[in-house]
Amino acid sequence: MGGDGYREEVSPHTPNEKFEGATLLKTLQISYGFEGRIPLISARLLHDVNEKVRRIIKSYSMLNSILHFSYTHLVCWTAVLGQQDHRNDLSHPIHADYCLLGPQANECWKEPPAYTYRDYSALLYLNGDFEGGEFIFTEMDGKIVTASVKAKCRKMLGFSSGGENPHGVHAVTSGQRCAVAIWFTLDPLFREIQTSF
């Protein structure tokens, strides 16, 4: 899955994990294009799964307006061998998807570099055969854990993207954690144009 700008490099959040990813557009390009590494049916499956997740989020959130895709990312984090002893870092730090957390002020500022147009977030797990990597929700302070979710293949999480849902991911200490992360927007100006066939 390397090749969409990540080149199978160390995670941007921790040197203890390798990070690989592919956007929906990249998946389509390598299935249609000269590379041909991903069968077109697999790219189509990713598209169809995204659409199903969108319908679930819209229904569960009881939205009457159109919910647009904002960004889709198939991503894997792999524990780097020999670097897992006594880890106390996170695979992905505590954050909110559309605002900047200010834990001391108990506030969340909706301003760049946060993706201020993201309204809903979803995560679809593709596997569960790894150690660590629990998805956690916290209080605004980023310290008090309010919920912890263990991955299971085909399990989906969906939530609103603001300061009401600070979240992060515990360290992946063994194996590889893969998921499809999908963000949605109510603003058509920020829709992901590459999501339709």
N, C-alpha and C. Protein backbone atom coordinates (compact mmCIF):
# COMPACT_ATOMS: atom_id res chain seq x y z
N MET A 1 0.82 -1.20 0.00
CA MET A 1 0.00 0.00 0.00
C MET A 1 0.85 1.26 0.00
N GLY A 2 2.16 1.12 0.09
CA GLY A 2 2.99 2.30 0.02
C GLY A 2 2.86 2.93 -1.36
N GLY A 3 3.19 4.18 -1.46
CA GLY A 3 3.19 4.80 -2.77
C GLY A 3 2.24 5.95 -2.91
N ASP A 4 1.47 6.28 -1.90
CA ASP A 4 0.59 7.43 -2.00
C ASP A 4 1.17 8.61 -1.25
N GLY A 5 2.45 8.63 -1.09
CA GLY A 5 3.10 9.72 -0.37
C GLY A 5 3.70 9.27 0.93
N TYR A 6 3.38 8.06 1.37
CA TYR A 6 3.90 7.57 2.65
C TYR A 6 5.13 6.70 2.47
N ARG A 7 5.24 6.01 1.34
CA ARG A 7 6.40 5.20 1.00
C ARG A 7 6.79 4.23 2.12
N GLU A 8 5.80 3.71 2.81
CA GLU A 8 6.02 2.74 3.88
C GLU A 8 6.99 3.28 4.92
N GLU A 9 6.87 4.54 5.24
CA GLU A 9 7.77 5.18 6.18
C GLU A 9 7.29 5.01 7.61
N VAL A 10 8.13 5.44 8.52
CA VAL A 10 7.75 5.45 9.93
C VAL A 10 6.53 6.34 10.09
N SER A 11 5.69 6.01 11.04
CA SER A 11 4.48 6.78 11.29
C SER A 11 4.81 8.24 11.57
N PRO A 12 3.94 9.17 11.16
CA PRO A 12 4.16 10.57 11.49
C PRO A 12 3.95 10.86 12.97
N HIS A 13 3.39 9.89 13.70
CA HIS A 13 3.07 10.11 15.10
C HIS A 13 4.01 9.40 16.06
N THR A 14 4.67 8.32 15.62
CA THR A 14 5.58 7.59 16.49
C THR A 14 6.63 6.87 15.65
N PRO A 15 7.88 6.86 16.09
CA PRO A 15 8.92 6.13 15.36
C PRO A 15 8.85 4.62 15.58
N ASN A 16 7.94 4.17 16.43
CA ASN A 16 7.84 2.76 16.79
C ASN A 16 6.89 1.97 15.91
N GLU A 17 6.34 2.61 14.88
CA GLU A 17 5.43 1.94 13.97
C GLU A 17 5.68 2.40 12.54
N LYS A 18 5.49 1.49 11.60
CA LYS A 18 5.55 1.81 10.18
C LYS A 18 4.14 2.18 9.74
N PHE A 19 4.03 3.12 8.83
CA PHE A 19 2.76 3.67 8.40
C PHE A 19 2.62 3.51 6.90
N GLU A 20 1.53 2.89 6.45
CA GLU A 20 1.26 2.73 5.03
C GLU A 20 -0.18 3.14 4.76
N GLY A 21 -0.43 3.72 3.60
CA GLY A 21 -1.79 4.13 3.33
C GLY A 21 -2.08 4.28 1.85
N ALA A 22 -3.36 4.28 1.55
CA ALA A 22 -3.80 4.51 0.17
C ALA A 22 -5.14 5.25 0.22
N THR A 23 -5.22 6.32 -0.53
CA THR A 23 -6.50 7.02 -0.66
C THR A 23 -7.37 6.25 -1.65
N LEU A 24 -8.66 6.57 -1.67
CA LEU A 24 -9.55 5.94 -2.63
C LEU A 24 -9.09 6.26 -4.05
N LEU A 25 -8.67 7.49 -4.30
CA LEU A 25 -8.19 7.87 -5.63
C LEU A 25 -6.96 7.04 -6.02
N LYS A 26 -6.02 6.88 -5.10
CA LYS A 26 -4.82 6.10 -5.39
C LYS A 26 -5.20 4.64 -5.68
N THR A 27 -6.14 4.09 -4.94
CA THR A 27 -6.59 2.72 -5.17
C THR A 27 -7.15 2.57 -6.58
N LEU A 28 -7.96 3.54 -7.00
CA LEU A 28 -8.50 3.50 -8.36
C LEU A 28 -7.40 3.64 -9.41
N GLN A 29 -6.45 4.51 -9.16
CA GLN A 29 -5.38 4.72 -10.12
C GLN A 29 -4.55 3.45 -10.32
N ILE A 30 -4.24 2.76 -9.25
CA ILE A 30 -3.39 1.57 -9.41
C ILE A 30 -4.18 0.35 -9.87
N SER A 31 -5.52 0.41 -9.82
CA SER A 31 -6.30 -0.69 -10.38
C SER A 31 -6.58 -0.45 -11.87
N TYR A 32 -6.82 0.80 -12.25
CA TYR A 32 -7.07 1.14 -13.66
C TYR A 32 -5.79 1.31 -14.45
N GLY A 33 -4.80 1.89 -13.80
CA GLY A 33 -3.61 2.34 -14.50
C GLY A 33 -2.65 1.23 -14.87
N PHE A 34 -1.48 1.66 -15.27
CA PHE A 34 -0.45 0.74 -15.75
C PHE A 34 0.05 -0.18 -14.65
N GLU A 35 -0.10 0.23 -13.39
CA GLU A 35 0.44 -0.59 -12.31
C GLU A 35 -0.33 -1.89 -12.15
N GLY A 36 -1.66 -1.84 -12.20
CA GLY A 36 -2.49 -3.02 -12.14
C GLY A 36 -2.27 -3.90 -10.93
N ARG A 37 -1.83 -3.32 -9.82
CA ARG A 37 -1.52 -4.12 -8.64
C ARG A 37 -2.76 -4.49 -7.84
N ILE A 38 -3.82 -3.74 -7.96
CA ILE A 38 -5.05 -4.02 -7.23
C ILE A 38 -6.15 -4.31 -8.24
N PRO A 39 -6.81 -5.46 -8.13
CA PRO A 39 -7.89 -5.75 -9.08
C PRO A 39 -8.99 -4.69 -8.97
N LEU A 40 -9.59 -4.35 -10.09
CA LEU A 40 -10.64 -3.35 -10.11
C LEU A 40 -11.77 -3.71 -9.16
N ILE A 41 -12.07 -5.00 -9.03
CA ILE A 41 -13.15 -5.41 -8.13
C ILE A 41 -12.85 -5.02 -6.68
N SER A 42 -11.57 -5.03 -6.29
CA SER A 42 -11.19 -4.61 -4.94
C SER A 42 -11.39 -3.12 -4.74
N ALA A 43 -11.03 -2.33 -5.75
CA ALA A 43 -11.25 -0.88 -5.67
C ALA A 43 -12.75 -0.60 -5.59
N ARG A 44 -13.54 -1.34 -6.36
CA ARG A 44 -14.99 -1.16 -6.33
C ARG A 44 -15.55 -1.53 -4.95
N LEU A 45 -15.01 -2.58 -4.35
CA LEU A 45 -15.44 -2.99 -3.01
C LEU A 45 -15.19 -1.87 -2.00
N LEU A 46 -14.02 -1.24 -2.08
CA LEU A 46 -13.71 -0.13 -1.18
C LEU A 46 -14.72 1.00 -1.37
N HIS A 47 -15.05 1.32 -2.60
CA HIS A 47 -16.05 2.34 -2.88
C HIS A 47 -17.40 1.96 -2.28
N ASP A 48 -17.83 0.72 -2.49
CA ASP A 48 -19.14 0.28 -2.00
C ASP A 48 -19.21 0.26 -0.48
N VAL A 49 -18.11 -0.13 0.16
CA VAL A 49 -18.05 -0.11 1.63
C VAL A 49 -18.18 1.33 2.12
N ASN A 50 -17.49 2.25 1.47
CA ASN A 50 -17.59 3.67 1.85
C ASN A 50 -19.04 4.15 1.78
N GLU A 51 -19.72 3.77 0.72
CA GLU A 51 -21.11 4.20 0.55
C GLU A 51 -22.00 3.62 1.65
N LYS A 52 -21.77 2.37 2.01
CA LYS A 52 -22.56 1.74 3.07
C LYS A 52 -22.32 2.45 4.41
N VAL A 53 -21.06 2.78 4.69
CA VAL A 53 -20.73 3.50 5.92
C VAL A 53 -21.43 4.86 5.92
N ARG A 54 -21.42 5.55 4.78
CA ARG A 54 -22.09 6.85 4.69
C ARG A 54 -23.58 6.73 5.03
N ARG A 55 -24.24 5.71 4.49
CA ARG A 55 -25.67 5.53 4.77
C ARG A 55 -25.92 5.24 6.25
N ILE A 56 -25.05 4.44 6.87
CA ILE A 56 -25.19 4.13 8.29
C ILE A 56 -25.03 5.38 9.14
N ILE A 57 -23.98 6.17 8.87
CA ILE A 57 -23.75 7.41 9.64
C ILE A 57 -24.93 8.36 9.47
N LYS A 58 -25.41 8.51 8.26
CA LYS A 58 -26.53 9.42 8.00
C LYS A 58 -27.78 8.96 8.74
N SER A 59 -28.06 7.68 8.71
CA SER A 59 -29.24 7.14 9.37
C SER A 59 -29.12 7.25 10.89
N TYR A 60 -27.99 6.84 11.42
CA TYR A 60 -27.78 6.85 12.87
C TYR A 60 -27.83 8.28 13.42
N SER A 61 -27.29 9.22 12.65
CA SER A 61 -27.26 10.62 13.10
C SER A 61 -28.55 11.36 12.76
N MET A 62 -29.49 10.66 12.10
CA MET A 62 -30.79 11.22 11.73
C MET A 62 -30.64 12.53 10.96
N LEU A 63 -29.78 12.51 9.96
CA LEU A 63 -29.53 13.70 9.15
C LEU A 63 -30.53 13.80 8.01
N ASN A 64 -31.07 14.97 7.81
CA ASN A 64 -31.97 15.22 6.68
C ASN A 64 -31.23 15.83 5.50
N SER A 65 -30.04 16.33 5.73
CA SER A 65 -29.26 16.95 4.66
C SER A 65 -28.32 15.92 4.03
N ILE A 66 -27.72 16.29 2.91
CA ILE A 66 -26.80 15.40 2.21
C ILE A 66 -25.49 15.31 3.00
N LEU A 67 -25.01 14.10 3.15
CA LEU A 67 -23.73 13.85 3.81
C LEU A 67 -22.73 13.47 2.73
N HIS A 68 -21.73 14.33 2.53
CA HIS A 68 -20.73 14.14 1.46
C HIS A 68 -19.48 13.48 2.03
N PHE A 69 -18.81 12.68 1.20
CA PHE A 69 -17.50 12.19 1.57
C PHE A 69 -16.54 13.37 1.57
N SER A 70 -15.69 13.44 2.58
CA SER A 70 -14.66 14.46 2.61
C SER A 70 -13.30 13.86 2.29
N TYR A 71 -13.01 12.70 2.88
CA TYR A 71 -11.72 12.06 2.65
C TYR A 71 -11.81 10.60 3.08
N THR A 72 -11.21 9.73 2.29
CA THR A 72 -11.19 8.30 2.59
C THR A 72 -9.74 7.83 2.56
N HIS A 73 -9.36 7.04 3.56
CA HIS A 73 -7.98 6.61 3.67
C HIS A 73 -7.91 5.18 4.20
N LEU A 74 -7.38 4.29 3.39
CA LEU A 74 -7.08 2.93 3.82
C LEU A 74 -5.68 2.98 4.41
N VAL A 75 -5.55 2.63 5.68
CA VAL A 75 -4.26 2.83 6.35
C VAL A 75 -3.92 1.67 7.27
N CYS A 76 -2.62 1.36 7.35
CA CYS A 76 -2.13 0.31 8.24
C CYS A 76 -0.95 0.84 9.06
N TRP A 77 -0.92 0.46 10.32
CA TRP A 77 0.20 0.75 11.20
C TRP A 77 0.80 -0.60 11.60
N THR A 78 2.12 -0.75 11.45
CA THR A 78 2.79 -2.00 11.77
C THR A 78 3.82 -1.75 12.87
N ALA A 79 3.77 -2.57 13.92
CA ALA A 79 4.74 -2.45 15.00
C ALA A 79 6.14 -2.76 14.46
N VAL A 80 7.10 -1.89 14.75
CA VAL A 80 8.48 -2.09 14.32
C VAL A 80 9.14 -3.04 15.31
N LEU A 81 9.67 -4.15 14.78
CA LEU A 81 10.31 -5.15 15.63
C LEU A 81 11.48 -4.54 16.39
N GLY A 82 11.62 -4.92 17.64
CA GLY A 82 12.73 -4.44 18.45
C GLY A 82 12.52 -3.08 19.07
N GLN A 83 11.36 -2.47 18.84
CA GLN A 83 11.11 -1.14 19.38
C GLN A 83 9.84 -1.10 20.23
N GLN A 84 9.45 -2.22 20.81
CA GLN A 84 8.17 -2.26 21.51
C GLN A 84 8.29 -2.34 23.03
N ASP A 85 9.50 -2.53 23.55
CA ASP A 85 9.66 -2.64 24.99
C ASP A 85 9.38 -1.30 25.68
N HIS A 86 8.57 -1.36 26.69
CA HIS A 86 8.29 -0.21 27.56
C HIS A 86 7.73 1.00 26.82
N ARG A 87 6.91 0.77 25.80
CA ARG A 87 6.31 1.89 25.08
C ARG A 87 5.28 2.59 25.94
N ASN A 88 5.29 3.90 25.91
CA ASN A 88 4.25 4.67 26.59
C ASN A 88 3.70 5.76 25.68
N ASP A 89 4.05 5.68 24.37
CA ASP A 89 3.52 6.64 23.41
C ASP A 89 2.23 6.10 22.81
N LEU A 90 1.55 6.93 22.06
CA LEU A 90 0.33 6.53 21.38
C LEU A 90 0.61 6.34 19.90
N SER A 91 -0.15 5.44 19.29
CA SER A 91 -0.06 5.25 17.85
C SER A 91 -0.57 6.51 17.15
N HIS A 92 -1.61 7.10 17.69
CA HIS A 92 -2.15 8.36 17.19
C HIS A 92 -2.56 9.19 18.40
N PRO A 93 -1.98 10.38 18.60
CA PRO A 93 -2.25 11.19 19.79
C PRO A 93 -3.72 11.60 19.91
N ILE A 94 -4.11 11.98 21.09
CA ILE A 94 -5.47 12.44 21.35
C ILE A 94 -5.71 13.72 20.54
N HIS A 95 -6.86 13.75 19.86
CA HIS A 95 -7.20 14.88 19.00
C HIS A 95 -8.70 14.87 18.72
N ALA A 96 -9.17 15.91 18.10
CA ALA A 96 -10.52 15.96 17.54
C ALA A 96 -10.33 16.19 16.05
N ASP A 97 -11.27 15.70 15.25
CA ASP A 97 -11.06 15.74 13.80
C ASP A 97 -11.33 17.10 13.16
N TYR A 98 -12.13 17.98 13.79
CA TYR A 98 -12.39 19.26 13.12
C TYR A 98 -12.00 20.48 13.93
N CYS A 99 -11.31 20.26 15.04
CA CYS A 99 -10.90 21.41 15.84
C CYS A 99 -9.60 21.09 16.58
N LEU A 100 -8.96 22.12 17.06
CA LEU A 100 -7.72 21.99 17.82
C LEU A 100 -8.05 21.93 19.30
N LEU A 101 -7.62 20.86 19.96
CA LEU A 101 -7.91 20.71 21.38
C LEU A 101 -7.02 21.62 22.22
N GLY A 102 -7.64 22.27 23.19
CA GLY A 102 -6.92 23.04 24.19
C GLY A 102 -7.28 22.47 25.55
N PRO A 103 -6.61 21.34 25.93
CA PRO A 103 -7.01 20.64 27.16
C PRO A 103 -7.00 21.51 28.41
N GLN A 104 -6.01 22.40 28.53
CA GLN A 104 -5.94 23.25 29.72
C GLN A 104 -7.12 24.19 29.80
N ALA A 105 -7.57 24.70 28.66
CA ALA A 105 -8.70 25.63 28.63
C ALA A 105 -10.03 24.90 28.49
N ASN A 106 -9.95 23.57 28.34
CA ASN A 106 -11.16 22.76 28.15
C ASN A 106 -11.97 23.26 26.95
N GLU A 107 -11.24 23.57 25.86
CA GLU A 107 -11.87 24.11 24.67
C GLU A 107 -11.37 23.39 23.42
N CYS A 108 -12.10 23.58 22.34
CA CYS A 108 -11.69 23.06 21.06
C CYS A 108 -11.93 24.16 20.03
N TRP A 109 -10.83 24.66 19.44
CA TRP A 109 -10.93 25.77 18.51
C TRP A 109 -11.09 25.25 17.09
N LYS A 110 -12.16 25.68 16.44
CA LYS A 110 -12.43 25.24 15.07
C LYS A 110 -11.72 26.18 14.11
N GLU A 111 -10.42 25.88 13.91
CA GLU A 111 -9.60 26.69 13.02
C GLU A 111 -8.47 25.84 12.45
N PRO A 112 -7.92 26.22 11.29
CA PRO A 112 -6.80 25.48 10.71
C PRO A 112 -5.61 25.48 11.67
N PRO A 113 -4.79 24.42 11.66
CA PRO A 113 -4.71 23.39 10.64
C PRO A 113 -5.71 22.25 10.81
N ALA A 114 -6.64 22.35 11.73
CA ALA A 114 -7.68 21.32 11.83
C ALA A 114 -8.54 21.33 10.57
N TYR A 115 -9.10 20.17 10.25
CA TYR A 115 -9.98 20.05 9.09
C TYR A 115 -11.38 20.51 9.51
N THR A 116 -11.58 21.81 9.53
CA THR A 116 -12.78 22.40 10.12
C THR A 116 -14.08 22.03 9.43
N TYR A 117 -14.01 21.49 8.23
CA TYR A 117 -15.21 21.14 7.46
C TYR A 117 -15.65 19.70 7.71
N ARG A 118 -14.88 18.91 8.43
CA ARG A 118 -15.27 17.53 8.71
C ARG A 118 -16.33 17.53 9.80
N ASP A 119 -17.45 16.89 9.51
CA ASP A 119 -18.56 16.87 10.47
C ASP A 119 -18.75 15.51 11.15
N TYR A 120 -18.45 14.44 10.42
CA TYR A 120 -18.60 13.09 10.97
C TYR A 120 -17.40 12.26 10.58
N SER A 121 -17.04 11.33 11.46
CA SER A 121 -15.88 10.47 11.26
C SER A 121 -16.31 9.02 11.39
N ALA A 122 -15.65 8.14 10.66
CA ALA A 122 -15.92 6.71 10.76
C ALA A 122 -14.63 5.94 10.59
N LEU A 123 -14.58 4.80 11.22
CA LEU A 123 -13.44 3.90 11.13
C LEU A 123 -13.97 2.49 10.97
N LEU A 124 -13.54 1.81 9.93
CA LEU A 124 -13.94 0.44 9.68
C LEU A 124 -12.70 -0.43 9.79
N TYR A 125 -12.70 -1.34 10.78
CA TYR A 125 -11.54 -2.21 10.99
C TYR A 125 -11.50 -3.31 9.95
N LEU A 126 -10.30 -3.59 9.47
CA LEU A 126 -10.10 -4.64 8.48
C LEU A 126 -9.49 -5.90 9.09
N ASN A 127 -9.03 -5.79 10.32
CA ASN A 127 -8.47 -6.96 11.02
C ASN A 127 -8.48 -6.72 12.52
N GLY A 128 -8.17 -7.77 13.26
CA GLY A 128 -8.09 -7.66 14.71
C GLY A 128 -6.95 -8.48 15.26
N ASP A 129 -6.12 -9.03 14.37
CA ASP A 129 -5.04 -9.93 14.78
C ASP A 129 -3.73 -9.18 15.04
N PHE A 130 -3.77 -8.29 16.01
CA PHE A 130 -2.59 -7.52 16.41
C PHE A 130 -2.73 -7.22 17.89
N GLU A 131 -1.65 -6.78 18.50
CA GLU A 131 -1.66 -6.43 19.92
C GLU A 131 -1.68 -4.92 20.08
N GLY A 132 -2.40 -4.43 21.08
CA GLY A 132 -2.51 -3.00 21.31
C GLY A 132 -3.46 -2.38 20.30
N GLY A 133 -3.26 -1.09 20.02
CA GLY A 133 -4.03 -0.41 18.98
C GLY A 133 -5.48 -0.12 19.33
N GLU A 134 -5.83 -0.14 20.63
CA GLU A 134 -7.22 0.16 21.01
C GLU A 134 -7.54 1.62 20.70
N PHE A 135 -8.70 1.84 20.13
CA PHE A 135 -9.20 3.19 19.86
C PHE A 135 -9.81 3.69 21.15
N ILE A 136 -9.43 4.89 21.58
CA ILE A 136 -9.96 5.41 22.85
C ILE A 136 -10.61 6.78 22.64
N PHE A 137 -11.67 7.01 23.41
CA PHE A 137 -12.27 8.33 23.55
C PHE A 137 -11.87 8.84 24.92
N THR A 138 -11.67 10.16 25.02
CA THR A 138 -11.27 10.75 26.30
C THR A 138 -12.14 11.96 26.62
N GLU A 139 -11.99 12.42 27.83
CA GLU A 139 -12.53 13.72 28.20
C GLU A 139 -11.72 14.78 27.45
N MET A 140 -12.16 16.02 27.51
CA MET A 140 -11.47 17.11 26.83
C MET A 140 -10.02 17.25 27.29
N ASP A 141 -9.71 16.79 28.50
CA ASP A 141 -8.34 16.91 29.00
C ASP A 141 -7.37 15.97 28.29
N GLY A 142 -7.89 15.03 27.53
CA GLY A 142 -7.04 14.09 26.81
C GLY A 142 -6.42 13.02 27.68
N LYS A 143 -6.80 12.98 28.94
CA LYS A 143 -6.20 12.03 29.88
C LYS A 143 -7.19 11.01 30.41
N ILE A 144 -8.40 11.43 30.71
CA ILE A 144 -9.40 10.53 31.27
C ILE A 144 -10.08 9.78 30.14
N VAL A 145 -9.83 8.48 30.07
CA VAL A 145 -10.42 7.64 29.02
C VAL A 145 -11.88 7.34 29.38
N THR A 146 -12.78 7.64 28.43
CA THR A 146 -14.21 7.41 28.66
C THR A 146 -14.71 6.14 27.96
N ALA A 147 -13.98 5.68 26.95
CA ALA A 147 -14.34 4.43 26.25
C ALA A 147 -13.12 3.91 25.52
N SER A 148 -13.03 2.58 25.42
CA SER A 148 -11.94 1.93 24.71
C SER A 148 -12.54 0.86 23.81
N VAL A 149 -12.12 0.84 22.55
CA VAL A 149 -12.67 -0.09 21.57
C VAL A 149 -11.57 -0.97 21.02
N LYS A 150 -11.72 -2.27 21.18
CA LYS A 150 -10.78 -3.25 20.62
C LYS A 150 -11.21 -3.57 19.20
N ALA A 151 -10.25 -3.63 18.31
CA ALA A 151 -10.54 -3.88 16.90
C ALA A 151 -11.05 -5.29 16.68
N LYS A 152 -11.94 -5.40 15.72
CA LYS A 152 -12.43 -6.68 15.24
C LYS A 152 -12.76 -6.46 13.76
N CYS A 153 -12.38 -7.41 12.92
CA CYS A 153 -12.63 -7.26 11.50
C CYS A 153 -14.10 -6.98 11.24
N ARG A 154 -14.39 -5.95 10.45
CA ARG A 154 -15.72 -5.48 10.05
C ARG A 154 -16.43 -4.67 11.13
N LYS A 155 -15.80 -4.39 12.25
CA LYS A 155 -16.39 -3.51 13.26
C LYS A 155 -16.25 -2.08 12.78
N MET A 156 -17.30 -1.28 12.94
CA MET A 156 -17.27 0.10 12.51
C MET A 156 -17.55 1.03 13.68
N LEU A 157 -16.81 2.12 13.74
CA LEU A 157 -17.06 3.19 14.70
C LEU A 157 -17.51 4.41 13.91
N GLY A 158 -18.48 5.13 14.41
CA GLY A 158 -18.91 6.37 13.78
C GLY A 158 -19.21 7.38 14.86
N PHE A 159 -18.84 8.65 14.63
CA PHE A 159 -19.03 9.68 15.65
C PHE A 159 -18.93 11.05 15.02
N SER A 160 -19.46 12.05 15.70
CA SER A 160 -19.31 13.42 15.23
C SER A 160 -17.86 13.85 15.46
N SER A 161 -17.38 14.74 14.60
CA SER A 161 -15.94 15.01 14.50
C SER A 161 -15.42 16.10 15.43
N GLY A 162 -16.26 16.68 16.25
CA GLY A 162 -15.86 17.83 17.04
C GLY A 162 -15.26 17.53 18.40
N GLY A 163 -15.15 18.59 19.20
CA GLY A 163 -14.54 18.52 20.52
C GLY A 163 -15.31 17.67 21.51
N GLU A 164 -16.53 17.27 21.15
CA GLU A 164 -17.29 16.38 22.02
C GLU A 164 -16.76 14.95 21.96
N ASN A 165 -15.86 14.67 21.01
CA ASN A 165 -15.32 13.32 20.85
C ASN A 165 -13.79 13.30 20.68
N PRO A 166 -13.05 13.77 21.68
CA PRO A 166 -11.59 13.63 21.60
C PRO A 166 -11.25 12.14 21.57
N HIS A 167 -10.27 11.78 20.75
CA HIS A 167 -9.95 10.36 20.61
C HIS A 167 -8.50 10.19 20.17
N GLY A 168 -8.03 8.96 20.29
CA GLY A 168 -6.67 8.60 19.89
C GLY A 168 -6.57 7.09 19.80
N VAL A 169 -5.37 6.60 19.59
CA VAL A 169 -5.14 5.16 19.43
C VAL A 169 -3.94 4.75 20.26
N HIS A 170 -4.14 3.71 21.10
CA HIS A 170 -3.02 3.16 21.87
C HIS A 170 -1.99 2.56 20.92
N ALA A 171 -0.78 2.40 21.40
CA ALA A 171 0.33 1.86 20.61
C ALA A 171 0.01 0.48 20.06
N VAL A 172 0.36 0.26 18.80
CA VAL A 172 0.32 -1.07 18.21
C VAL A 172 1.65 -1.72 18.57
N THR A 173 1.60 -2.74 19.42
CA THR A 173 2.83 -3.32 19.96
C THR A 173 3.26 -4.62 19.27
N SER A 174 2.37 -5.21 18.48
CA SER A 174 2.71 -6.41 17.74
C SER A 174 1.75 -6.57 16.57
N GLY A 175 2.29 -6.87 15.40
CA GLY A 175 1.45 -7.10 14.24
C GLY A 175 1.13 -5.81 13.50
N GLN A 176 0.05 -5.87 12.73
CA GLN A 176 -0.35 -4.77 11.87
C GLN A 176 -1.83 -4.46 12.06
N ARG A 177 -2.16 -3.19 12.27
CA ARG A 177 -3.54 -2.72 12.44
C ARG A 177 -3.96 -2.01 11.17
N CYS A 178 -5.01 -2.50 10.50
CA CYS A 178 -5.47 -1.90 9.25
C CYS A 178 -6.93 -1.47 9.38
N ALA A 179 -7.25 -0.33 8.80
CA ALA A 179 -8.61 0.19 8.86
C ALA A 179 -8.85 1.14 7.70
N VAL A 180 -10.11 1.37 7.41
CA VAL A 180 -10.50 2.41 6.47
C VAL A 180 -11.04 3.56 7.31
N ALA A 181 -10.38 4.70 7.21
CA ALA A 181 -10.84 5.91 7.91
C ALA A 181 -11.59 6.76 6.89
N ILE A 182 -12.78 7.20 7.27
CA ILE A 182 -13.62 7.98 6.36
C ILE A 182 -14.14 9.20 7.11
N TRP A 183 -14.01 10.35 6.47
CA TRP A 183 -14.55 11.58 7.05
C TRP A 183 -15.61 12.13 6.12
N PHE A 184 -16.62 12.74 6.72
CA PHE A 184 -17.76 13.26 5.98
C PHE A 184 -17.95 14.73 6.28
N THR A 185 -18.57 15.42 5.34
CA THR A 185 -18.86 16.84 5.51
C THR A 185 -20.29 17.13 5.07
N LEU A 186 -20.89 18.13 5.67
CA LEU A 186 -22.20 18.61 5.25
C LEU A 186 -22.06 19.71 4.21
N ASP A 187 -20.84 20.20 4.03
CA ASP A 187 -20.56 21.29 3.10
C ASP A 187 -20.12 20.75 1.75
N PRO A 188 -20.91 20.92 0.69
CA PRO A 188 -20.54 20.37 -0.63
C PRO A 188 -19.24 20.94 -1.19
N LEU A 189 -18.81 22.10 -0.71
CA LEU A 189 -17.56 22.67 -1.18
C LEU A 189 -16.34 21.82 -0.81
N PHE A 190 -16.49 20.98 0.21
CA PHE A 190 -15.36 20.18 0.69
C PHE A 190 -15.56 18.69 0.45
N ARG A 191 -16.44 18.36 -0.49
CA ARG A 191 -16.65 16.94 -0.78
C ARG A 191 -15.45 16.39 -1.55
N GLU A 192 -15.22 15.09 -1.37
CA GLU A 192 -14.15 14.41 -2.07
C GLU A 192 -14.66 14.04 -3.45
N ILE A 193 -14.16 14.69 -4.45
CA ILE A 193 -14.67 14.52 -5.81
C ILE A 193 -14.35 13.15 -6.37
N GLN A 194 -13.28 12.51 -5.92
CA GLN A 194 -12.83 11.26 -6.51
C GLN A 194 -13.58 10.03 -6.00
N THR A 195 -14.66 10.15 -5.25
CA THR A 195 -15.29 8.98 -4.65
C THR A 195 -16.34 8.33 -5.54
N SER A 196 -16.69 8.90 -6.68
CA SER A 196 -17.72 8.28 -7.50
C SER A 196 -17.12 7.62 -8.72
N PHE A 197 -17.74 6.51 -9.14
CA PHE A 197 -17.29 5.78 -10.33
C PHE A 197 -18.00 6.31 -11.55
